[in-house]
Structure formats: structure tokens, C-alpha cells
Amino acid sequence: MPQKSEFHLDILIKKEEGYYSAHCLQFDLVATDDTLRRTLEAIKNLCIAHIENSIENRNMEFLFSPAPKEVWAEYSSSLLNQRCKVKQENLLFASKSRPYFHIQSCYA
């Protein structure tokens, strides 16, 4: 029986001028949209596609490509100074043999 994997993903969400942005720090992926809800859905779908593509193509060594240190510093600072609303959730892939991931988002 295959062992299930778990991914922990940190996402920095910001209201920019006229749109929202969501930045997944572990993968350095960014999604933007006009509404917060659609931005969150977009980053989740982008992360799922990235993970599934890496698994299907046996390309796990390129799965993680961390965001620049400045983005990590902004995320950490927002968490430490309680300047963001933190939301945590677990997401499962459609296939039960696929890993699931835990998202911690910080809406700064």
C-alpha cells in the first residue's frame, strides 16, 4: 500500500491596488484575482496542479522552489506581530492515493 504524503503550505495573501494576491511560499507560486474568494481558489488549484504534475512526471526534485527571502520575512513578520488573519485548512486530492496538504494562509 502506498504511503500517503502530506504537504504544509504557507500562503501570504494581500490586498493590492484593485486586486488580491496569494503567494505560496514553498512553491513560489502566485495567483491574483479581483475577489479574495477567487484568489484563494486560484492559489489552491495552482498548488494542486503543481503537486500533481510533479508526481505524475516523477519530478519531485523540482517540486519545492521557495519564494524569495523577502516574502518569507514579510510572512513571518505578519504572523509574529499578529498583523494578519490566519486561516488553516486541510485539502484532499480527488484520488485517495494522492497526498493531502495543509494550508496556513496569512491575510496581511
Protein backbone atom coordinates (compact mmCIF):
# COMPACT_ATOMS: atom_id res chain seq x y z
CA MET A 1 0.00 0.00 0.00
CA PRO A 2 1.49 3.40 -0.96
CA GLN A 3 2.38 5.71 1.87
CA LYS A 4 0.40 8.96 1.93
CA SER A 5 2.29 12.22 1.81
CA GLU A 6 1.46 15.47 3.45
CA PHE A 7 2.47 18.95 2.35
CA HIS A 8 2.38 22.02 4.57
CA LEU A 9 1.98 25.20 2.54
CA ASP A 10 2.23 28.77 3.77
CA ILE A 11 0.35 31.37 1.74
CA LEU A 12 0.67 35.14 2.07
CA ILE A 13 -2.49 36.92 0.93
CA LYS A 14 -2.53 40.64 0.34
CA LYS A 15 -4.97 43.25 -0.91
CA GLU A 16 -3.14 45.11 -3.62
CA GLU A 17 -4.35 48.15 -5.53
CA GLY A 18 -7.51 46.85 -7.20
CA TYR A 19 -6.90 43.11 -6.72
CA TYR A 20 -5.84 40.39 -4.27
CA SER A 21 -2.65 38.34 -4.48
CA ALA A 22 -1.85 34.98 -2.90
CA HIS A 23 1.76 33.78 -2.76
CA CYS A 24 2.57 30.15 -1.87
CA LEU A 25 5.93 30.39 -0.17
CA GLN A 26 7.09 26.78 -0.58
CA PHE A 27 6.48 26.72 -4.34
CA ASP A 28 6.91 30.44 -5.18
CA LEU A 29 3.57 30.40 -6.99
CA VAL A 30 1.37 33.48 -7.19
CA ALA A 31 -2.31 33.84 -8.05
CA THR A 32 -4.28 37.07 -8.40
CA ASP A 33 -7.93 37.92 -8.87
CA ASP A 34 -10.49 40.63 -8.18
CA THR A 35 -12.01 38.91 -5.13
CA LEU A 36 -10.48 37.26 -2.11
CA ARG A 37 -12.56 34.09 -2.60
CA ARG A 38 -11.48 33.62 -6.22
CA THR A 39 -7.86 34.37 -5.34
CA LEU A 40 -7.89 31.66 -2.65
CA GLU A 41 -9.46 29.15 -5.04
CA ALA A 42 -6.91 30.05 -7.73
CA ILE A 43 -3.89 29.51 -5.46
CA LYS A 44 -5.29 26.20 -4.18
CA ASN A 45 -5.89 24.97 -7.73
CA LEU A 46 -2.45 26.14 -8.80
CA CYS A 47 -0.79 24.29 -5.89
CA ILE A 48 -2.76 21.11 -6.61
CA ALA A 49 -1.81 21.23 -10.29
CA HIS A 50 1.84 21.82 -9.39
CA ILE A 51 1.94 18.87 -6.97
CA GLU A 52 0.06 16.53 -9.31
CA ASN A 53 2.29 17.45 -12.24
CA SER A 54 5.41 16.77 -10.17
CA ILE A 55 4.07 13.39 -9.02
CA GLU A 56 2.82 12.29 -12.43
CA ASN A 57 6.08 13.23 -14.14
CA ARG A 58 8.27 11.85 -11.33
CA ASN A 59 9.80 15.27 -10.97
CA MET A 60 9.76 15.66 -7.20
CA GLU A 61 13.23 17.22 -7.03
CA PHE A 62 11.81 20.35 -8.65
CA LEU A 63 8.61 20.48 -6.61
CA PHE A 64 9.89 22.91 -3.98
CA SER A 65 11.18 26.26 -5.17
CA PRO A 66 10.92 28.62 -2.21
CA ALA A 67 9.81 32.22 -2.52
CA PRO A 68 12.43 34.95 -2.09
CA LYS A 69 13.59 35.59 1.47
CA GLU A 70 11.88 39.00 1.49
CA VAL A 71 8.48 37.32 1.04
CA TRP A 72 9.23 34.84 3.83
CA ALA A 73 10.29 37.75 6.06
CA GLU A 74 7.03 39.62 5.34
CA TYR A 75 5.01 36.48 6.09
CA SER A 76 6.89 35.74 9.32
CA SER A 77 6.69 39.34 10.47
CA SER A 78 2.94 39.43 9.83
CA LEU A 79 2.45 36.24 11.84
CA LEU A 80 4.70 37.28 14.73
CA ASN A 81 3.22 40.76 15.01
CA GLN A 82 -0.31 39.38 14.60
CA ARG A 83 -0.91 41.69 11.66
CA CYS A 84 -2.76 39.05 9.70
CA LYS A 85 -5.80 36.84 9.95
CA VAL A 86 -4.64 33.22 9.97
CA LYS A 87 -6.75 30.51 8.40
CA GLN A 88 -5.83 26.84 8.43
CA GLU A 89 -7.38 24.08 6.37
CA ASN A 90 -6.65 20.62 5.06
CA LEU A 91 -7.24 19.86 1.40
CA LEU A 92 -7.51 16.40 -0.08
CA PHE A 93 -6.84 15.43 -3.65
CA ALA A 94 -9.64 13.76 -5.60
CA SER A 95 -7.69 10.49 -5.76
CA LYS A 96 -7.26 8.86 -2.35
CA SER A 97 -3.82 7.63 -3.36
CA ARG A 98 -2.68 11.24 -3.72
CA PRO A 99 -1.23 13.27 -0.86
CA TYR A 100 -3.14 15.89 1.00
CA PHE A 101 -1.94 19.27 2.08
CA HIS A 102 -2.35 21.59 5.00
CA ILE A 103 -2.61 25.27 4.16
CA GLN A 104 -1.90 28.07 6.56
CA SER A 105 -2.82 31.37 4.99
CA CYS A 106 -2.00 34.78 6.38
CA TYR A 107 -4.19 37.60 5.11
CA ALA A 108 -2.00 40.63 5.74
